[in-house]
Protein backbone atom coordinates (compact mmCIF):
# COMPACT_ATOMS: atom_id res chain seq x y z
CA UNK A 1 169.52 69.22 53.59
CA UNK A 2 171.66 71.60 50.82
CA UNK A 3 173.66 74.01 52.00
CA UNK A 4 175.44 77.43 50.71
CA UNK A 5 177.66 80.44 52.24
CA UNK A 6 176.21 83.43 52.83
CA UNK A 7 177.74 85.91 50.74
CA UNK A 8 181.35 86.54 50.78
CA UNK A 9 181.63 85.44 54.40
CA UNK A 10 182.68 81.95 54.60
CA UNK A 11 180.01 80.92 57.04
CA UNK A 12 178.03 77.75 55.42
CA UNK A 13 174.12 77.52 56.33
CA UNK A 14 171.29 75.01 55.78
CA UNK A 15 168.86 76.27 53.08
CA UNK A 16 166.34 76.63 55.65
CA UNK A 17 166.50 78.50 57.79
CA UNK A 18 164.28 78.23 61.79
CA UNK A 19 162.08 82.01 62.53
CA UNK A 20 162.35 82.10 66.33
CA UNK A 21 159.52 84.64 65.91
CA UNK A 22 156.95 81.51 66.67
CA UNK A 23 158.98 80.49 69.90
CA UNK A 24 158.33 82.63 73.10
CA UNK A 25 155.93 83.81 75.79
CA UNK A 26 153.29 84.66 74.34
CA UNK A 27 151.82 88.25 75.53
CA UNK A 28 149.11 90.04 74.30
CA UNK A 29 151.42 92.40 73.44
CA UNK A 30 153.55 90.74 70.99
CA UNK A 31 152.20 87.49 69.97
CA UNK A 32 149.29 84.95 71.45
CA UNK A 33 150.19 82.21 69.26
CA UNK A 34 153.85 81.77 70.44
CA UNK A 35 155.19 77.98 71.41
CA UNK A 36 156.12 77.91 75.02
CA UNK A 37 159.76 76.34 75.96
CA UNK A 38 158.82 72.94 75.35
CA UNK A 39 157.54 72.61 72.51
CA UNK A 40 160.47 75.08 71.05
CA UNK A 41 163.10 72.29 72.05
CA UNK A 42 160.55 69.84 70.38
CA UNK A 43 160.67 71.92 67.04
CA UNK A 44 164.47 72.97 67.05
CA UNK A 45 165.12 69.01 67.74
CA UNK A 46 163.36 68.25 64.47
CA UNK A 47 164.59 71.17 62.43
CA UNK A 48 168.19 70.18 63.64
CA UNK A 49 167.29 66.26 62.68
CA UNK A 50 166.64 67.64 59.14
CA UNK A 51 170.00 68.85 59.03
CA UNK A 52 168.85 72.80 59.26
CA UNK A 53 171.28 74.48 61.31
CA UNK A 54 170.35 78.03 60.62
CA UNK A 55 168.31 79.96 62.78
CA UNK A 56 167.01 83.37 63.62
CA UNK A 57 166.00 85.61 66.59
CA UNK A 58 165.57 89.31 67.16
CA UNK A 59 166.37 90.82 70.77
CA UNK A 60 162.49 92.02 70.55
CA UNK A 61 160.88 88.76 69.74
CA UNK A 62 158.36 88.35 72.79
CA UNK A 63 160.21 90.35 74.49
CA UNK A 64 163.67 88.96 74.10
CA UNK A 65 162.18 85.52 75.24
CA UNK A 66 162.81 83.86 72.09
CA UNK A 67 166.45 84.33 72.17
CA UNK A 68 166.65 82.76 75.37
CA UNK A 69 164.51 80.01 74.48
CA UNK A 70 166.37 79.04 71.65
CA UNK A 71 169.50 79.00 73.47
CA UNK A 72 167.78 77.19 75.66
CA UNK A 73 166.79 74.97 72.93
CA UNK A 74 170.05 74.15 71.66
CA UNK A 75 171.98 73.79 74.97
CA UNK A 76 169.22 70.90 75.42
CA UNK A 77 169.69 69.24 71.83
CA UNK A 78 173.67 69.31 72.78
CA UNK A 79 174.69 70.75 69.67
CA UNK A 80 178.35 72.13 69.36
CA UNK A 81 177.81 75.87 69.38
CA UNK A 82 180.31 75.87 65.70
CA UNK A 83 177.55 73.15 63.86
CA UNK A 84 175.02 76.09 63.89
CA UNK A 85 174.77 79.35 62.91
CA UNK A 86 172.81 81.99 64.71
CA UNK A 87 171.52 85.17 63.82
CA UNK A 88 170.04 88.19 65.55
CA UNK A 89 168.71 91.51 64.87
CA UNK A 90 168.60 95.13 66.59
CA UNK A 91 166.41 98.34 65.82
CA UNK A 92 163.27 97.69 68.10
CA UNK A 93 164.84 98.99 71.09
CA UNK A 94 165.47 102.07 72.89
CA UNK A 95 168.47 104.23 70.72
CA UNK A 96 167.19 101.87 68.05
CA UNK A 97 170.72 101.84 66.23
CA UNK A 98 173.28 104.01 67.42
CA UNK A 99 176.02 103.55 68.83
CA UNK A 100 175.36 102.97 72.66
CA UNK A 101 172.17 100.98 71.86
CA UNK A 102 173.94 98.81 69.53
CA UNK A 103 177.05 98.09 72.27
CA UNK A 104 173.99 97.85 75.09
CA UNK A 105 171.62 95.57 72.72
CA UNK A 106 174.35 92.67 71.13
CA UNK A 107 175.58 92.19 75.16
CA UNK A 108 171.95 91.75 75.79
CA UNK A 109 171.56 89.07 73.13
CA UNK A 110 174.36 87.18 73.41
CA UNK A 111 173.62 86.54 77.84
CA UNK A 112 169.84 86.09 76.67
CA UNK A 113 171.23 83.13 74.37
CA UNK A 114 174.05 82.08 76.08
CA UNK A 115 176.85 82.02 73.36
CA UNK A 116 180.10 84.57 73.26
CA UNK A 117 179.39 85.57 69.83
CA UNK A 118 177.08 85.56 66.83
CA UNK A 119 177.20 84.38 63.22
CA UNK A 120 175.06 87.27 62.08
CA UNK A 121 173.99 90.46 63.53
CA UNK A 122 171.33 92.00 61.24
CA UNK A 123 170.31 95.78 61.16
CA UNK A 124 165.68 95.14 61.93
CA UNK A 125 165.31 98.43 60.07
CA UNK A 126 166.60 101.52 58.86
CA UNK A 127 167.11 104.25 61.57
CA UNK A 128 165.97 108.18 60.27
CA UNK A 129 167.58 109.53 63.50
CA UNK A 130 171.21 108.39 63.74
CA UNK A 131 173.82 109.01 61.44
CA UNK A 132 174.61 106.21 59.01
CA UNK A 133 178.71 106.03 59.55
CA UNK A 134 177.61 106.37 63.32
CA UNK A 135 175.25 102.72 62.62
CA UNK A 136 178.45 101.16 60.62
CA UNK A 137 181.12 101.92 62.94
CA UNK A 138 179.62 100.64 65.84
CA UNK A 139 178.54 97.50 63.78
CA UNK A 140 182.20 97.06 62.62
CA UNK A 141 183.52 97.48 66.02
CA UNK A 142 181.83 94.00 67.21
CA UNK A 143 183.45 92.19 64.63
CA UNK A 144 186.86 93.36 65.46
CA UNK A 145 186.12 92.64 69.08
CA UNK A 146 184.76 88.79 67.57
CA UNK A 147 181.16 89.47 69.66
CA UNK A 148 179.61 89.09 65.65
CA UNK A 149 181.36 87.23 62.72
CA UNK A 150 179.11 89.14 59.88
CA UNK A 151 176.61 91.67 59.49
CA UNK A 152 173.37 91.78 57.69
CA UNK A 153 170.30 93.96 57.13
CA UNK A 154 166.61 93.77 56.81
CA UNK A 155 163.63 95.17 55.87
CA UNK A 156 164.53 98.75 53.94
CA UNK A 157 164.26 101.07 50.61
CA UNK A 158 167.26 100.36 48.06
CA UNK A 159 168.67 103.56 48.48
CA UNK A 160 168.91 103.05 51.64
CA UNK A 161 170.76 99.86 51.44
CA UNK A 162 172.95 101.36 49.24
CA UNK A 163 174.05 104.22 51.30
CA UNK A 164 175.00 102.29 54.35
CA UNK A 165 176.98 99.59 51.56
CA UNK A 166 178.14 102.64 50.42
CA UNK A 167 179.37 104.03 54.14
CA UNK A 168 180.76 100.98 54.82
CA UNK A 169 182.93 100.85 51.81
CA UNK A 170 184.53 104.24 52.50
CA UNK A 171 185.46 103.78 55.88
CA UNK A 172 187.20 100.17 55.21
CA UNK A 173 183.86 98.90 57.46
CA UNK A 174 182.05 95.67 57.40
CA UNK A 175 179.81 95.55 55.02
CA UNK A 176 176.67 93.99 54.99
CA UNK A 177 176.21 90.15 53.70
CA UNK A 178 173.03 89.54 53.82
CA UNK A 179 169.46 90.83 53.32
CA UNK A 180 166.27 89.90 55.10
CA UNK A 181 163.45 91.26 53.39
CA UNK A 182 159.64 91.05 53.15
CA UNK A 183 159.53 88.52 49.70
CA UNK A 184 156.91 86.01 48.77
CA UNK A 185 154.65 85.30 45.88
CA UNK A 186 152.10 87.21 46.99
CA UNK A 187 154.74 90.28 47.72
CA UNK A 188 157.58 91.20 45.52
CA UNK A 189 157.62 94.88 45.42
CA UNK A 190 161.97 94.63 46.30
CA UNK A 191 162.25 92.88 42.48
CA UNK A 192 162.31 96.43 41.58
CA UNK A 193 165.03 98.50 43.34
CA UNK A 194 166.25 96.73 46.75
CA UNK A 195 166.46 93.23 45.48
CA UNK A 196 168.61 94.33 42.57
CA UNK A 197 171.13 96.46 44.71
CA UNK A 198 171.79 93.55 47.53
CA UNK A 199 172.65 90.94 43.92
CA UNK A 200 175.26 93.85 43.27
CA UNK A 201 176.76 93.54 46.12
CA UNK A 202 176.55 89.93 46.23
CA UNK A 203 174.31 89.95 49.07
CA UNK A 204 172.61 86.66 50.23
CA UNK A 205 169.26 86.85 50.53
CA UNK A 206 167.16 85.22 53.49
CA UNK A 207 163.75 87.02 53.00
CA UNK A 208 161.17 86.67 56.27
CA UNK A 209 157.72 85.56 55.63
CA UNK A 210 158.14 83.43 52.55
CA UNK A 211 154.88 81.77 52.95
CA UNK A 212 153.16 85.30 53.68
CA UNK A 213 152.45 84.52 57.16
CA UNK A 214 150.88 80.79 56.21
CA UNK A 215 148.42 82.27 53.18
CA UNK A 216 150.71 80.35 50.80
CA UNK A 217 150.46 76.73 53.32
CA UNK A 218 146.71 76.13 52.88
CA UNK A 219 143.89 76.53 50.24
CA UNK A 220 141.79 79.01 50.63
CA UNK A 221 142.75 82.74 52.82
CA UNK A 222 142.24 81.90 56.19
CA UNK A 223 143.03 78.81 58.06
CA UNK A 224 141.23 79.24 61.26
CA UNK A 225 144.42 78.77 63.45
CA UNK A 226 145.36 80.84 66.42
CA UNK A 227 147.79 82.91 64.58
CA UNK A 228 144.79 83.67 62.24
CA UNK A 229 142.75 85.10 64.88
CA UNK A 230 145.06 86.74 66.87
CA UNK A 231 147.79 88.43 64.54
CA UNK A 232 146.50 91.71 63.99
CA UNK A 233 149.83 92.44 62.37
CA UNK A 234 149.10 89.43 59.97
CA UNK A 235 145.89 90.72 58.95
CA UNK A 236 147.34 94.40 57.95
CA UNK A 237 150.18 93.05 55.94
CA UNK A 238 148.02 91.05 53.52
CA UNK A 239 144.03 91.60 54.21
CA UNK A 240 144.20 94.38 52.07
CA UNK A 241 145.01 92.83 48.71
CA UNK A 242 142.90 89.70 49.66
CA UNK A 243 140.51 90.36 46.22
CA UNK A 244 143.58 89.83 43.89
CA UNK A 245 145.92 87.80 45.91
CA UNK A 246 143.94 84.96 46.42
CA UNK A 247 144.42 83.95 42.75
CA UNK A 248 147.71 83.45 43.53
CA UNK A 249 146.88 81.06 46.41
CA UNK A 250 144.73 79.08 44.06
CA UNK A 251 147.27 78.74 41.46
CA UNK A 252 149.47 77.58 44.32
CA UNK A 253 147.38 75.18 45.71
CA UNK A 254 146.63 73.85 42.16
CA UNK A 255 150.07 73.42 41.25
CA UNK A 256 150.29 71.31 44.79
CA UNK A 257 147.96 68.98 43.91
CA UNK A 258 149.33 68.48 40.29
CA UNK A 259 153.09 68.12 41.52
CA UNK A 260 151.91 64.94 44.86
CA UNK A 261 153.19 67.80 46.94
CA UNK A 262 152.34 70.47 50.13
CA UNK A 263 151.96 73.73 49.03
CA UNK A 264 154.75 74.93 51.41
CA UNK A 265 157.02 73.22 49.25
CA UNK A 266 155.95 74.85 46.30
CA UNK A 267 155.75 78.89 47.39
CA UNK A 268 159.07 77.59 48.82
CA UNK A 269 160.31 76.37 45.62
CA UNK A 270 159.54 79.32 43.83
CA UNK A 271 161.88 81.10 45.94
CA UNK A 272 165.18 79.06 45.34
CA UNK A 273 163.75 79.72 41.67
CA UNK A 274 164.52 83.31 42.22
CA UNK A 275 168.06 82.47 43.71
CA UNK A 276 167.35 83.26 47.58
CA UNK A 277 169.82 81.60 49.47
CA UNK A 278 167.30 80.25 53.25
CA UNK A 279 164.17 81.27 53.35
CA UNK A 280 162.96 82.30 56.82
CA UNK A 281 160.38 79.18 58.11
CA UNK A 282 158.33 80.55 61.36
CA UNK A 283 157.21 76.95 62.35
CA UNK A 284 154.85 76.02 64.75
CA UNK A 285 154.21 72.65 63.76
CA UNK A 286 156.68 69.59 62.65
CA UNK A 287 155.06 69.13 59.24
CA UNK A 288 155.99 72.90 58.27
CA UNK A 289 159.27 72.24 58.33
CA UNK A 290 159.33 68.73 56.84
CA UNK A 291 157.32 70.41 54.26
CA UNK A 292 160.07 73.21 53.31
CA UNK A 293 163.05 70.60 53.52
CA UNK A 294 161.26 69.30 50.27
CA UNK A 295 161.35 72.32 48.97
CA UNK A 296 164.99 72.45 48.66
CA UNK A 297 165.18 69.17 46.17
CA UNK A 298 161.88 70.69 44.11
CA UNK A 299 162.73 72.33 41.31
CA UNK A 300 160.22 74.59 39.17
CA UNK A 301 160.14 74.75 35.93
CA UNK A 302 160.29 78.25 34.01
CA UNK A 303 156.58 77.56 32.91
CA UNK A 304 155.46 76.79 36.54
CA UNK A 305 157.04 79.93 37.75
CA UNK A 306 155.24 81.76 35.31
CA UNK A 307 151.91 80.32 35.98
CA UNK A 308 152.51 81.20 39.80
CA UNK A 309 153.30 85.10 39.30
CA UNK A 310 151.13 85.70 36.37
CA UNK A 311 148.02 87.32 38.20
CA UNK A 312 150.56 89.35 40.81
CA UNK A 313 149.39 92.93 40.76
CA UNK A 314 151.40 96.11 42.57
CA UNK A 315 150.94 96.23 46.37
CA UNK A 316 151.84 98.95 48.59
CA UNK A 317 155.06 98.73 50.67
CA UNK A 318 155.40 96.15 53.67
CA UNK A 319 158.37 95.76 55.58
CA UNK A 320 160.44 99.34 55.61
CA UNK A 321 159.59 102.15 57.59
CA UNK A 322 158.44 105.17 55.70
CA UNK A 323 160.59 108.63 56.15
CA UNK A 324 159.21 111.17 58.27
CA UNK A 325 157.37 113.68 57.28
CA UNK A 326 158.76 117.11 56.72
C-alpha cells in the first residue's frame, strides 16, 4: 500500500479508501444489499491487513447503522484510533447544512462511531436553503472545537465549490481539503469545471463510484448480483447511457485481459493516472479490496489511457443537486 496526504492538512491516508455505504442494516428504503455486522467486521479486517487505513461513511448510510458498524469493526480489529482515518458526511438530515443541524449531526455521528473526533467531515451536497457563511462558520467551529480535523465537500457544481472556498478565505474559516465527487471512466463531466476548481485550491480528490457501481469491474453490463437486481439508484445513474458506455466497459475488459489483471485494477489505475488521491471502494467481497489495492502499483501508459477514454460521450449531470426552479 502507498499513502498520501489530504490537501494541506498533513493527514496521511492510504491510496485506497473503504466506502462504508456497503455496510449496515439492509432495508427497503435504503439498500437491500448491505452487509451485516459480522461480515462488515471481516471486510474491515481484510482492508486493514492490506494496509488500508482510510474509511468513509455518512450519517445517512443505512440510517446511521453504517457508522455504528464501522465503529464496531474497528474496535473489534483492535486498531488504535490514531492509526486510522475516519471520514463521515452531513446533509441528508433535518436542516441540511444549517448551524443547528451540523451541531446536532456531528454529535450523533461521533456517538455512533464511538470516537471523540473525525479526521474528515464532509458536506454531502450543496444546501440552497442555508447561507454559505452559516455553513462554513459552523464547520469551522467544529475544527476549532477539536471535533473535526479537516473538512471536505462532495458532489456539487464548480461555482458552488468555489463560492464556499472563497467564503472560507474571506472569513478566515477552515477551507475544504478534499472533494468527494462522482468520477469514473463512464462519468467524467466534472472534468469541465469542478475538478479544475479543486485543483486551483490544492484539494485532494477522493471520488465516489470509481467503478461506476461495479460496471467497470466485470464484463458486460449486468452482473446478476443482489445490488444489480435491487439498487434502483444505480440503474438511474448509469442505464440511460448504457448503449454508448458499454464500449468503454469492453475496452476495460480488453485491456485487463491484455495486461493479465482484473478489470477493477485497470479502472482504478486510470484514476491514479488522473491525479486522484484515494478512490472510494465499496467492497462486499474481499477480492474487491485485493483488486483495488493492486491498482496502486499498476501504471497505465499514455496510449492505454487514451484507449480507455476515446469512446466517452457527454452525459447528463449526476450527483450535484440541481437548483430549485424559480
